Amino acid sequence: MRILNSGGLAILNRRAFTLLEVMVAIAILAISLTTLFGSQSQSVSLATEGKFNTNASLLAGLKLAELESGRLEPSDAEGDFGKEFPGYRWKMGVQDASDVLPELFSNPVGKSPGRLRRIDLTVFWGGDQYLYKLRYYFRVKDIL
């Protein structure tokens, strides 16, 4: 419908959006939703990783406490953390490390104060997707 203004020019009576306006609005909406969903996905991923890092450090500390208390022997071993932490596994490797700082582990009297062991402890979760590695030095006293 055409309406003429006072100067005789035609003014279109617009009652709907044009196709171009609708396409621009949909493009803006699509870009906004893509950004929003991407940040949400990243947020979930970071929360999962944070949960693993917290649990893994506490579980590694638990294994080291068992090692220091004598409940766990310093040897190459692996296992899981039971029903309380399903999917979490650990692996421990032990190597002699007395040559790291020999002056600290020599005694002028001739008695050795102990052997130094290097403990490499790894906590796994979700297959091998998440790993937490810890290196710890432990002195094993000689029994005389």
Protein backbone atom coordinates (compact mmCIF):
# COMPACT_ATOMS: atom_id res chain seq x y z
CA MET A 1 0.00 0.00 0.00
CA ARG A 2 1.39 3.39 -0.93
CA ILE A 3 0.82 6.56 1.01
CA LEU A 4 1.88 9.91 -0.34
CA ASN A 5 3.39 12.45 1.98
CA SER A 6 2.88 16.18 1.71
CA GLY A 7 5.72 16.48 -0.82
CA GLY A 8 4.16 13.92 -3.12
CA LEU A 9 6.73 11.19 -2.38
CA ALA A 10 5.54 7.69 -1.82
CA ILE A 11 6.02 6.16 1.63
CA LEU A 12 5.74 2.42 1.93
CA ASN A 13 3.62 1.11 4.74
CA ARG A 14 5.84 -1.57 6.34
CA ARG A 15 4.06 -4.14 8.43
CA ALA A 16 6.68 -6.95 8.46
CA PHE A 17 10.42 -7.57 8.59
CA THR A 18 12.34 -8.02 5.38
CA LEU A 19 14.14 -11.25 4.62
CA LEU A 20 17.51 -9.56 5.10
CA GLU A 21 16.59 -8.35 8.60
CA VAL A 22 15.48 -11.85 9.59
CA MET A 23 18.70 -13.40 8.23
CA VAL A 24 20.88 -10.89 10.11
CA ALA A 25 18.97 -11.55 13.35
CA ILE A 26 19.37 -15.34 12.95
CA ALA A 27 23.11 -14.94 12.23
CA ILE A 28 23.59 -12.85 15.38
CA LEU A 29 21.63 -15.42 17.41
CA ALA A 30 23.68 -18.31 15.98
CA ILE A 31 27.00 -16.63 16.77
CA SER A 32 25.84 -15.82 20.31
CA LEU A 33 24.63 -19.36 21.02
CA THR A 34 27.81 -20.91 19.60
CA THR A 35 29.93 -18.76 21.90
CA LEU A 36 27.70 -19.53 24.87
CA PHE A 37 27.74 -23.30 24.32
CA GLY A 38 31.52 -23.27 23.78
CA SER A 39 32.15 -21.48 27.06
CA GLN A 40 29.76 -23.85 28.86
CA SER A 41 31.59 -26.87 27.46
CA GLN A 42 34.95 -25.43 28.52
CA SER A 43 33.56 -24.74 31.98
CA VAL A 44 32.45 -28.36 32.41
CA SER A 45 35.85 -29.59 31.18
CA LEU A 46 37.74 -27.35 33.63
CA ALA A 47 35.49 -28.43 36.51
CA THR A 48 36.17 -32.10 35.72
CA GLU A 49 39.91 -31.48 35.56
CA GLY A 50 39.80 -29.54 38.83
CA LYS A 51 37.91 -32.36 40.54
CA PHE A 52 40.50 -34.87 39.31
CA ASN A 53 43.46 -32.76 40.45
CA THR A 54 41.94 -32.35 43.91
CA ASN A 55 41.09 -36.02 44.34
CA ALA A 56 44.34 -37.26 42.82
CA SER A 57 46.54 -35.13 45.09
CA LEU A 58 44.64 -36.32 48.16
CA LEU A 59 44.81 -39.96 47.04
CA ALA A 60 48.55 -39.66 46.30
CA GLY A 61 49.02 -38.23 49.81
CA LEU A 62 47.10 -41.22 51.17
CA LYS A 63 49.49 -43.64 49.43
CA LEU A 64 52.52 -41.73 50.72
CA ALA A 65 51.09 -41.84 54.25
CA GLU A 66 50.66 -45.62 53.90
CA LEU A 67 54.27 -45.82 52.71
CA GLU A 68 55.63 -43.79 55.63
CA SER A 69 53.56 -45.68 58.20
CA GLY A 70 54.78 -49.04 56.93
CA ARG A 71 51.39 -50.27 55.72
CA LEU A 72 52.73 -50.22 52.14
CA GLU A 73 56.13 -51.57 51.19
CA PRO A 74 58.33 -49.40 48.94
CA SER A 75 58.25 -51.61 45.84
CA ASP A 76 56.98 -51.53 42.28
CA ALA A 77 53.23 -51.99 42.64
CA GLU A 78 49.88 -50.86 41.31
CA GLY A 79 46.25 -51.00 42.31
CA ASP A 80 43.03 -49.07 42.70
CA PHE A 81 41.43 -47.04 45.48
CA GLY A 82 38.41 -49.27 46.02
CA LYS A 83 34.70 -48.56 45.85
CA GLU A 84 35.04 -45.09 47.37
CA PHE A 85 36.89 -43.79 44.29
CA PRO A 86 35.78 -45.84 41.27
CA GLY A 87 37.95 -45.46 38.19
CA TYR A 88 40.97 -44.13 40.11
CA ARG A 89 44.10 -46.30 39.83
CA TRP A 90 47.66 -45.86 41.08
CA LYS A 91 51.06 -47.13 40.03
CA MET A 92 54.26 -46.88 42.03
CA GLY A 93 57.81 -47.32 40.79
CA VAL A 94 60.78 -47.48 43.17
CA GLN A 95 64.44 -46.89 42.33
CA ASP A 96 67.60 -46.56 44.36
CA ALA A 97 68.61 -42.89 44.61
CA SER A 98 71.46 -42.98 47.12
CA ASP A 99 73.79 -41.53 44.50
CA VAL A 100 71.72 -38.30 44.32
CA LEU A 101 73.26 -36.76 47.45
CA PRO A 102 75.91 -39.24 48.67
CA GLU A 103 77.34 -36.86 51.30
CA LEU A 104 74.01 -36.93 53.15
CA PHE A 105 73.98 -40.71 53.26
CA SER A 106 77.50 -41.49 54.38
CA ASN A 107 78.50 -41.90 57.98
CA PRO A 108 82.11 -41.54 59.21
CA VAL A 109 81.59 -44.29 61.79
CA GLY A 110 80.84 -46.74 59.01
CA LYS A 111 77.16 -47.26 59.70
CA SER A 112 74.84 -46.27 56.92
CA PRO A 113 71.94 -44.09 58.12
CA GLY A 114 69.75 -45.58 55.39
CA ARG A 115 69.24 -45.93 51.70
CA LEU A 116 67.51 -43.27 49.70
CA ARG A 117 64.73 -44.45 47.41
CA ARG A 118 62.99 -42.48 44.70
CA ILE A 119 59.27 -43.15 44.56
CA ASP A 120 57.43 -42.29 41.34
CA LEU A 121 53.71 -42.38 42.08
CA THR A 122 51.12 -41.91 39.33
CA VAL A 123 47.36 -41.62 39.85
CA PHE A 124 45.15 -42.34 36.81
CA TRP A 125 41.49 -41.66 36.12
CA GLY A 126 39.33 -42.18 33.04
CA GLY A 127 41.73 -44.55 31.35
CA ASP A 128 44.88 -42.58 30.76
CA GLN A 129 43.05 -39.33 30.02
CA TYR A 130 43.90 -37.78 33.39
CA LEU A 131 47.30 -38.33 35.05
CA TYR A 132 48.76 -37.01 38.28
CA LYS A 133 52.46 -37.72 38.78
CA LEU A 134 54.39 -37.29 41.98
CA ARG A 135 58.08 -37.89 42.74
CA TYR A 136 59.01 -38.48 46.36
CA TYR A 137 62.27 -39.39 48.06
CA PHE A 138 62.08 -41.84 50.93
CA ARG A 139 64.78 -43.09 53.27
CA VAL A 140 64.72 -46.77 54.13
CA LYS A 141 66.60 -47.46 57.35
CA ASP A 142 69.00 -50.38 57.42
CA ILE A 143 68.26 -53.06 59.96
CA LEU A 144 71.42 -54.04 61.85
